[in-house]
Amino acid sequence: MEISALSPEAAFAQTGLSLPPAPQPLGVYKPYLIDGKYLYISGHGPVQDDKSLIIGRIGADMDIEQGKLAARQVGLTILSTIKTHLGSLDRVKRVIKVLGMVNCTADFGRHPYVINGCSELFAAVWGQDNGIGVRSAVGMGSLPDNIPVEVEALFELV
């Protein structure tokens, strides 16, 4: 069976990756909001299976490959929020937009490469056509709790 013929749930299962616990809001906001056929996901950080966060600044405390893995972990955290609150990844039809923020040194310039960690995961789950949307990848002087990556996203529901 081709990967594109798999449901998002089945495609995710084939990655062999695990979902961390869905994070609870640490401020005055909702982790997700459904408006008609659109699912808005608030900015998420890299939550690990033990609920701890990956911490560090790319270019100082961690290298680009560690940053890319942190971005993938943010993607997994977003998937966990979707599955926890909507019941199934199959409820999502496609990725519309991803905004990736990279906590990095001023001389770091490969933000898109880091955010590919999240984008490649979404492409694996929803396929090349539906898993890749429009995207921005930008550098930040800091992020909450010194996390290396924060991602917010917009999805279209089935």
N, C-alpha and C. Protein backbone atom coordinates (compact mmCIF):
# COMPACT_ATOMS: atom_id res chain seq x y z
N MET A 1 0.84 -1.18 0.00
CA MET A 1 0.00 0.00 0.00
C MET A 1 0.89 1.25 0.00
N GLU A 2 0.60 2.18 -0.87
CA GLU A 2 1.36 3.43 -0.92
C GLU A 2 1.06 4.27 0.30
N ILE A 3 2.08 5.04 0.72
CA ILE A 3 1.90 5.92 1.88
C ILE A 3 0.76 6.91 1.64
N SER A 4 0.58 7.39 0.41
CA SER A 4 -0.47 8.36 0.11
C SER A 4 -1.86 7.75 0.24
N ALA A 5 -1.96 6.42 0.16
CA ALA A 5 -3.25 5.77 0.27
C ALA A 5 -3.64 5.51 1.73
N LEU A 6 -2.72 5.75 2.65
CA LEU A 6 -2.99 5.51 4.06
C LEU A 6 -3.77 6.67 4.67
N SER A 7 -4.57 6.35 5.67
CA SER A 7 -5.21 7.40 6.45
C SER A 7 -4.12 8.12 7.25
N PRO A 8 -4.37 9.35 7.70
CA PRO A 8 -3.38 10.02 8.54
C PRO A 8 -2.99 9.21 9.78
N GLU A 9 -3.96 8.57 10.41
CA GLU A 9 -3.65 7.74 11.59
C GLU A 9 -2.71 6.59 11.22
N ALA A 10 -2.99 5.92 10.11
CA ALA A 10 -2.14 4.80 9.68
C ALA A 10 -0.77 5.30 9.26
N ALA A 11 -0.72 6.43 8.57
CA ALA A 11 0.55 6.99 8.15
C ALA A 11 1.40 7.37 9.36
N PHE A 12 0.75 7.96 10.38
CA PHE A 12 1.50 8.29 11.59
C PHE A 12 2.03 7.03 12.26
N ALA A 13 1.21 5.99 12.33
CA ALA A 13 1.64 4.74 12.95
C ALA A 13 2.90 4.20 12.27
N GLN A 14 3.00 4.39 10.96
CA GLN A 14 4.16 3.89 10.22
C GLN A 14 5.44 4.66 10.54
N THR A 15 5.33 5.86 11.10
CA THR A 15 6.54 6.61 11.44
C THR A 15 7.28 5.98 12.61
N GLY A 16 6.56 5.22 13.44
CA GLY A 16 7.18 4.62 14.62
C GLY A 16 7.41 5.61 15.75
N LEU A 17 6.93 6.83 15.59
CA LEU A 17 7.11 7.85 16.61
C LEU A 17 5.96 7.81 17.61
N SER A 18 6.19 8.37 18.79
CA SER A 18 5.13 8.41 19.82
C SER A 18 4.72 9.85 20.07
N LEU A 19 3.48 10.01 20.50
CA LEU A 19 2.96 11.33 20.82
C LEU A 19 3.17 11.63 22.30
N PRO A 20 3.69 12.81 22.60
CA PRO A 20 3.80 13.21 24.01
C PRO A 20 2.42 13.58 24.53
N PRO A 21 2.29 13.81 25.83
CA PRO A 21 1.00 14.28 26.35
C PRO A 21 0.67 15.66 25.76
N ALA A 22 -0.59 15.89 25.47
CA ALA A 22 -1.02 17.20 24.97
C ALA A 22 -0.82 18.22 26.09
N PRO A 23 -0.17 19.35 25.78
CA PRO A 23 0.09 20.33 26.83
C PRO A 23 -1.17 21.09 27.24
N GLN A 24 -1.17 21.54 28.47
CA GLN A 24 -2.24 22.39 28.98
C GLN A 24 -1.79 23.85 28.84
N PRO A 25 -2.70 24.77 28.59
CA PRO A 25 -2.32 26.18 28.46
C PRO A 25 -1.66 26.70 29.74
N LEU A 26 -0.59 27.47 29.56
CA LEU A 26 0.09 28.09 30.70
C LEU A 26 -0.21 29.58 30.76
N GLY A 27 -1.19 30.01 30.00
CA GLY A 27 -1.59 31.41 29.98
C GLY A 27 -3.07 31.50 29.65
N VAL A 28 -3.50 32.67 29.27
CA VAL A 28 -4.91 32.90 28.97
C VAL A 28 -5.12 32.75 27.46
N TYR A 29 -5.29 31.51 27.03
CA TYR A 29 -5.52 31.20 25.63
C TYR A 29 -6.05 29.78 25.52
N LYS A 30 -6.57 29.44 24.34
CA LYS A 30 -7.02 28.08 24.05
C LYS A 30 -5.94 27.39 23.22
N PRO A 31 -5.69 26.11 23.46
CA PRO A 31 -4.68 25.41 22.66
C PRO A 31 -5.13 25.20 21.21
N TYR A 32 -6.43 25.20 21.00
CA TYR A 32 -6.97 25.03 19.65
C TYR A 32 -8.33 25.72 19.58
N LEU A 33 -8.75 26.02 18.37
CA LEU A 33 -10.06 26.61 18.15
C LEU A 33 -10.56 26.14 16.79
N ILE A 34 -11.80 25.69 16.76
CA ILE A 34 -12.43 25.29 15.50
C ILE A 34 -13.37 26.39 15.07
N ASP A 35 -13.20 26.85 13.82
CA ASP A 35 -14.08 27.85 13.22
C ASP A 35 -14.54 27.29 11.88
N GLY A 36 -15.77 26.79 11.85
CA GLY A 36 -16.26 26.17 10.62
C GLY A 36 -15.43 24.96 10.25
N LYS A 37 -14.79 25.02 9.09
CA LYS A 37 -13.98 23.88 8.64
C LYS A 37 -12.49 24.07 8.93
N TYR A 38 -12.16 25.07 9.75
CA TYR A 38 -10.75 25.35 10.05
C TYR A 38 -10.40 25.07 11.50
N LEU A 39 -9.23 24.49 11.69
CA LEU A 39 -8.68 24.20 13.01
C LEU A 39 -7.44 25.06 13.20
N TYR A 40 -7.52 25.96 14.17
CA TYR A 40 -6.39 26.82 14.52
C TYR A 40 -5.68 26.20 15.72
N ILE A 41 -4.38 26.06 15.63
CA ILE A 41 -3.58 25.52 16.73
C ILE A 41 -2.68 26.63 17.24
N SER A 42 -2.78 26.92 18.54
CA SER A 42 -1.92 27.93 19.16
C SER A 42 -0.46 27.48 19.10
N GLY A 43 0.43 28.42 19.37
CA GLY A 43 1.85 28.10 19.40
C GLY A 43 2.14 26.98 20.38
N HIS A 44 2.86 25.98 19.92
CA HIS A 44 3.25 24.82 20.73
C HIS A 44 4.77 24.76 20.81
N GLY A 45 5.25 24.22 21.92
CA GLY A 45 6.68 23.98 22.10
C GLY A 45 6.97 22.50 22.04
N PRO A 46 8.24 22.14 22.19
CA PRO A 46 8.67 20.74 22.09
C PRO A 46 8.48 19.97 23.40
N VAL A 47 7.28 19.45 23.62
CA VAL A 47 6.98 18.65 24.80
C VAL A 47 7.47 17.22 24.56
N GLN A 48 8.16 16.69 25.56
CA GLN A 48 8.65 15.31 25.47
C GLN A 48 7.70 14.35 26.16
N ASP A 49 7.95 13.06 26.02
CA ASP A 49 7.05 12.05 26.57
C ASP A 49 6.85 12.18 28.08
N ASP A 50 7.87 12.69 28.80
CA ASP A 50 7.76 12.86 30.26
C ASP A 50 7.19 14.22 30.65
N LYS A 51 6.63 14.96 29.69
CA LYS A 51 6.02 16.28 29.85
C LYS A 51 7.04 17.41 29.98
N SER A 52 8.34 17.09 30.01
CA SER A 52 9.35 18.14 30.07
C SER A 52 9.51 18.77 28.69
N LEU A 53 10.12 19.94 28.65
CA LEU A 53 10.36 20.65 27.39
C LEU A 53 11.81 20.49 26.96
N ILE A 54 12.04 20.44 25.66
CA ILE A 54 13.39 20.57 25.15
C ILE A 54 13.75 22.04 25.32
N ILE A 55 14.92 22.31 25.86
CA ILE A 55 15.36 23.67 26.17
C ILE A 55 16.66 23.96 25.44
N GLY A 56 16.82 25.18 24.97
CA GLY A 56 18.09 25.59 24.39
C GLY A 56 17.93 26.54 23.23
N ARG A 57 19.00 27.22 22.91
CA ARG A 57 19.03 28.19 21.83
C ARG A 57 19.92 27.66 20.72
N ILE A 58 19.40 27.66 19.50
CA ILE A 58 20.14 27.12 18.36
C ILE A 58 21.26 28.10 18.01
N GLY A 59 22.44 27.55 17.85
CA GLY A 59 23.63 28.35 17.61
C GLY A 59 24.41 28.63 18.87
N ALA A 60 23.81 28.34 20.03
CA ALA A 60 24.50 28.54 21.31
C ALA A 60 24.53 27.23 22.10
N ASP A 61 23.34 26.73 22.47
CA ASP A 61 23.23 25.52 23.29
C ASP A 61 23.03 24.25 22.47
N MET A 62 22.59 24.41 21.25
CA MET A 62 22.30 23.25 20.40
C MET A 62 22.64 23.57 18.96
N ASP A 63 22.90 22.51 18.19
CA ASP A 63 23.23 22.70 16.78
C ASP A 63 21.98 22.59 15.92
N ILE A 64 22.16 22.78 14.62
CA ILE A 64 21.03 22.83 13.69
C ILE A 64 20.26 21.51 13.64
N GLU A 65 20.97 20.37 13.73
CA GLU A 65 20.28 19.07 13.70
C GLU A 65 19.45 18.86 14.96
N GLN A 66 19.96 19.29 16.11
CA GLN A 66 19.17 19.21 17.35
C GLN A 66 17.95 20.12 17.25
N GLY A 67 18.12 21.27 16.59
CA GLY A 67 16.99 22.18 16.37
C GLY A 67 15.93 21.56 15.49
N LYS A 68 16.37 20.87 14.43
CA LYS A 68 15.42 20.21 13.54
C LYS A 68 14.65 19.12 14.28
N LEU A 69 15.33 18.36 15.13
CA LEU A 69 14.65 17.34 15.94
C LEU A 69 13.67 17.99 16.93
N ALA A 70 14.05 19.14 17.47
CA ALA A 70 13.13 19.86 18.37
C ALA A 70 11.88 20.30 17.61
N ALA A 71 12.06 20.74 16.36
CA ALA A 71 10.90 21.13 15.54
C ALA A 71 10.01 19.93 15.26
N ARG A 72 10.61 18.77 15.01
CA ARG A 72 9.80 17.55 14.83
C ARG A 72 9.02 17.25 16.11
N GLN A 73 9.66 17.46 17.26
CA GLN A 73 8.97 17.21 18.54
C GLN A 73 7.81 18.17 18.72
N VAL A 74 7.96 19.42 18.26
CA VAL A 74 6.84 20.36 18.30
C VAL A 74 5.71 19.83 17.42
N GLY A 75 6.05 19.31 16.24
CA GLY A 75 5.03 18.72 15.37
C GLY A 75 4.30 17.59 16.06
N LEU A 76 5.04 16.74 16.77
CA LEU A 76 4.41 15.65 17.51
C LEU A 76 3.48 16.19 18.60
N THR A 77 3.89 17.28 19.23
CA THR A 77 3.06 17.89 20.27
C THR A 77 1.77 18.43 19.67
N ILE A 78 1.86 19.03 18.49
CA ILE A 78 0.66 19.52 17.80
C ILE A 78 -0.25 18.34 17.43
N LEU A 79 0.34 17.27 16.93
CA LEU A 79 -0.46 16.08 16.61
C LEU A 79 -1.16 15.55 17.86
N SER A 80 -0.48 15.59 19.00
CA SER A 80 -1.08 15.13 20.25
C SER A 80 -2.28 15.99 20.63
N THR A 81 -2.16 17.30 20.45
CA THR A 81 -3.29 18.19 20.74
C THR A 81 -4.47 17.86 19.83
N ILE A 82 -4.19 17.63 18.55
CA ILE A 82 -5.26 17.28 17.61
C ILE A 82 -5.93 15.98 18.03
N LYS A 83 -5.14 14.97 18.29
CA LYS A 83 -5.70 13.65 18.62
C LYS A 83 -6.45 13.69 19.96
N THR A 84 -5.90 14.39 20.94
CA THR A 84 -6.53 14.48 22.26
C THR A 84 -7.87 15.19 22.19
N HIS A 85 -7.95 16.29 21.46
CA HIS A 85 -9.15 17.11 21.47
C HIS A 85 -10.14 16.80 20.35
N LEU A 86 -9.66 16.24 19.24
CA LEU A 86 -10.56 15.93 18.12
C LEU A 86 -10.77 14.42 17.97
N GLY A 87 -9.98 13.61 18.66
CA GLY A 87 -10.17 12.17 18.66
C GLY A 87 -9.36 11.41 17.63
N SER A 88 -8.99 12.05 16.53
CA SER A 88 -8.28 11.34 15.47
C SER A 88 -7.60 12.32 14.53
N LEU A 89 -6.42 11.94 14.05
CA LEU A 89 -5.74 12.74 13.03
C LEU A 89 -6.52 12.71 11.72
N ASP A 90 -7.37 11.72 11.56
CA ASP A 90 -8.18 11.58 10.34
C ASP A 90 -9.21 12.70 10.20
N ARG A 91 -9.44 13.47 11.27
CA ARG A 91 -10.37 14.60 11.20
C ARG A 91 -9.80 15.77 10.40
N VAL A 92 -8.47 15.75 10.21
CA VAL A 92 -7.80 16.83 9.47
C VAL A 92 -7.66 16.44 8.01
N LYS A 93 -8.11 17.32 7.13
CA LYS A 93 -8.00 17.09 5.69
C LYS A 93 -6.63 17.50 5.16
N ARG A 94 -6.18 18.72 5.58
CA ARG A 94 -4.89 19.19 5.08
C ARG A 94 -4.33 20.30 5.95
N VAL A 95 -3.03 20.50 5.78
CA VAL A 95 -2.31 21.60 6.41
C VAL A 95 -2.50 22.83 5.53
N ILE A 96 -2.92 23.93 6.12
CA ILE A 96 -3.06 25.19 5.39
C ILE A 96 -1.81 26.05 5.57
N LYS A 97 -1.43 26.30 6.84
CA LYS A 97 -0.33 27.22 7.12
C LYS A 97 0.42 26.80 8.38
N VAL A 98 1.73 26.98 8.34
CA VAL A 98 2.60 26.74 9.48
C VAL A 98 3.44 28.00 9.71
N LEU A 99 3.50 28.45 10.95
CA LEU A 99 4.41 29.51 11.34
C LEU A 99 5.40 28.92 12.33
N GLY A 100 6.66 28.85 11.94
CA GLY A 100 7.71 28.30 12.79
C GLY A 100 8.63 29.39 13.29
N MET A 101 8.80 29.43 14.60
CA MET A 101 9.67 30.43 15.24
C MET A 101 10.86 29.71 15.87
N VAL A 102 12.05 30.19 15.55
CA VAL A 102 13.28 29.55 15.97
C VAL A 102 14.02 30.46 16.95
N ASN A 103 14.28 29.98 18.15
CA ASN A 103 15.07 30.68 19.16
C ASN A 103 16.53 30.46 18.81
N CYS A 104 17.20 31.50 18.31
CA CYS A 104 18.55 31.30 17.80
C CYS A 104 19.42 32.54 18.01
N THR A 105 20.70 32.34 17.80
CA THR A 105 21.64 33.44 17.87
C THR A 105 21.43 34.37 16.68
N ALA A 106 21.88 35.60 16.82
CA ALA A 106 21.65 36.61 15.79
C ALA A 106 22.29 36.26 14.45
N ASP A 107 23.34 35.46 14.46
CA ASP A 107 24.03 35.12 13.21
C ASP A 107 23.47 33.86 12.55
N PHE A 108 22.49 33.22 13.17
CA PHE A 108 21.91 31.99 12.59
C PHE A 108 20.96 32.37 11.46
N GLY A 109 21.04 31.65 10.34
CA GLY A 109 20.21 32.01 9.19
C GLY A 109 19.46 30.88 8.53
N ARG A 110 19.48 29.69 9.13
CA ARG A 110 18.86 28.54 8.46
C ARG A 110 17.55 28.12 9.13
N HIS A 111 16.73 29.09 9.42
CA HIS A 111 15.44 28.84 10.07
C HIS A 111 14.58 27.85 9.30
N PRO A 112 14.48 27.98 7.95
CA PRO A 112 13.64 27.02 7.21
C PRO A 112 14.09 25.57 7.40
N TYR A 113 15.40 25.34 7.44
CA TYR A 113 15.90 23.98 7.63
C TYR A 113 15.42 23.41 8.96
N VAL A 114 15.48 24.22 10.01
CA VAL A 114 15.03 23.77 11.33
C VAL A 114 13.54 23.41 11.29
N ILE A 115 12.72 24.29 10.74
CA ILE A 115 11.27 24.09 10.73
C ILE A 115 10.87 22.92 9.83
N ASN A 116 11.76 22.52 8.91
CA ASN A 116 11.50 21.31 8.12
C ASN A 116 11.26 20.10 9.01
N GLY A 117 11.80 20.09 10.22
CA GLY A 117 11.55 18.98 11.13
C GLY A 117 10.06 18.78 11.39
N CYS A 118 9.33 19.86 11.52
CA CYS A 118 7.87 19.80 11.70
C CYS A 118 7.18 19.54 10.37
N SER A 119 7.58 20.27 9.34
CA SER A 119 6.92 20.16 8.03
C SER A 119 7.07 18.76 7.44
N GLU A 120 8.23 18.14 7.60
CA GLU A 120 8.43 16.77 7.08
C GLU A 120 7.53 15.78 7.80
N LEU A 121 7.31 15.98 9.11
CA LEU A 121 6.40 15.13 9.86
C LEU A 121 4.97 15.27 9.33
N PHE A 122 4.52 16.50 9.14
CA PHE A 122 3.17 16.72 8.62
C PHE A 122 3.01 16.11 7.22
N ALA A 123 4.04 16.22 6.38
CA ALA A 123 4.00 15.62 5.04
C ALA A 123 3.92 14.10 5.14
N ALA A 124 4.58 13.50 6.13
CA ALA A 124 4.52 12.05 6.31
C ALA A 124 3.12 11.61 6.75
N VAL A 125 2.45 12.44 7.54
CA VAL A 125 1.12 12.09 8.07
C VAL A 125 0.02 12.32 7.03
N TRP A 126 0.04 13.49 6.37
CA TRP A 126 -1.06 13.83 5.45
C TRP A 126 -0.66 13.75 3.98
N GLY A 127 0.55 13.32 3.67
CA GLY A 127 0.99 13.17 2.29
C GLY A 127 1.51 14.48 1.71
N GLN A 128 2.16 14.38 0.56
CA GLN A 128 2.77 15.55 -0.08
C GLN A 128 1.73 16.61 -0.47
N ASP A 129 0.59 16.19 -0.96
CA ASP A 129 -0.42 17.16 -1.41
C ASP A 129 -1.11 17.87 -0.24
N ASN A 130 -1.51 17.12 0.77
CA ASN A 130 -2.26 17.69 1.88
C ASN A 130 -1.43 18.04 3.10
N GLY A 131 -0.23 17.52 3.18
CA GLY A 131 0.60 17.73 4.37
C GLY A 131 1.53 18.92 4.29
N ILE A 132 1.60 19.54 3.12
CA ILE A 132 2.48 20.69 2.95
C ILE A 132 1.62 21.90 2.60
N GLY A 133 1.67 22.90 3.46
CA GLY A 133 0.92 24.13 3.23
C GLY A 133 1.86 25.30 3.04
N VAL A 134 1.35 26.50 3.14
CA VAL A 134 2.21 27.68 3.12
C VAL A 134 2.90 27.76 4.48
N ARG A 135 4.05 28.47 4.50
CA ARG A 135 4.83 28.44 5.74
C ARG A 135 5.70 29.68 5.87
N SER A 136 5.91 30.08 7.09
CA SER A 136 6.93 31.07 7.43
C SER A 136 7.83 30.44 8.48
N ALA A 137 9.13 30.72 8.37
CA ALA A 137 10.11 30.25 9.34
C ALA A 137 10.98 31.45 9.71
N VAL A 138 10.88 31.89 10.95
CA VAL A 138 11.55 33.11 11.35
C VAL A 138 12.38 32.90 12.62
N GLY A 139 13.40 33.75 12.78
CA GLY A 139 14.24 33.71 13.97
C GLY A 139 13.72 34.66 15.04
N MET A 140 13.90 34.25 16.28
CA MET A 140 13.47 35.05 17.42
C MET A 140 14.65 35.23 18.38
N GLY A 141 14.65 36.34 19.08
CA GLY A 141 15.69 36.59 20.08
C GLY A 141 15.51 35.72 21.31
N SER A 142 14.28 35.31 21.58
CA SER A 142 13.99 34.39 22.68
C SER A 142 12.60 33.80 22.46
N LEU A 143 12.34 32.70 23.14
CA LEU A 143 11.03 32.07 23.15
C LEU A 143 10.72 31.67 24.59
N PRO A 144 9.45 31.43 24.94
CA PRO A 144 9.08 31.10 26.32
C PRO A 144 9.89 29.93 26.88
N ASP A 145 10.32 30.07 28.11
CA ASP A 145 11.08 29.02 28.82
C ASP A 145 12.36 28.61 28.10
N ASN A 146 12.83 29.43 27.16
CA ASN A 146 14.04 29.15 26.38
C ASN A 146 13.90 27.90 25.51
N ILE A 147 12.67 27.62 25.05
CA ILE A 147 12.49 26.52 24.10
C ILE A 147 13.15 26.90 22.77
N PRO A 148 13.65 25.92 22.01
CA PRO A 148 14.32 26.24 20.75
C PRO A 148 13.38 26.55 19.59
N VAL A 149 12.16 26.01 19.64
CA VAL A 149 11.23 26.15 18.52
C VAL A 149 9.80 26.27 19.05
N GLU A 150 9.02 27.15 18.42
CA GLU A 150 7.58 27.23 18.66
C GLU A 150 6.90 27.24 17.30
N VAL A 151 5.80 26.50 17.18
CA VAL A 151 5.08 26.42 15.92
C VAL A 151 3.59 26.61 16.19
N GLU A 152 2.95 27.43 15.34
CA GLU A 152 1.49 27.50 15.33
C GLU A 152 1.05 27.08 13.94
N ALA A 153 -0.17 26.57 13.82
CA ALA A 153 -0.60 26.03 12.53
C ALA A 153 -2.10 26.20 12.32
N LEU A 154 -2.46 26.15 11.05
CA LEU A 154 -3.85 26.21 10.63
C LEU A 154 -4.11 24.99 9.72
N PHE A 155 -5.17 24.27 10.03
CA PHE A 155 -5.54 23.07 9.28
C PHE A 155 -6.96 23.20 8.75
N GLU A 156 -7.26 22.48 7.68
CA GLU A 156 -8.63 22.35 7.20
C GLU A 156 -9.15 21.00 7.67
N LEU A 157 -10.36 21.00 8.21
CA LEU A 157 -10.97 19.76 8.70
C LEU A 157 -11.72 19.05 7.58
N VAL A 158 -11.92 17.76 7.76
CA VAL A 158 -12.66 16.95 6.80
C VAL A 158 -14.11 17.34 6.83
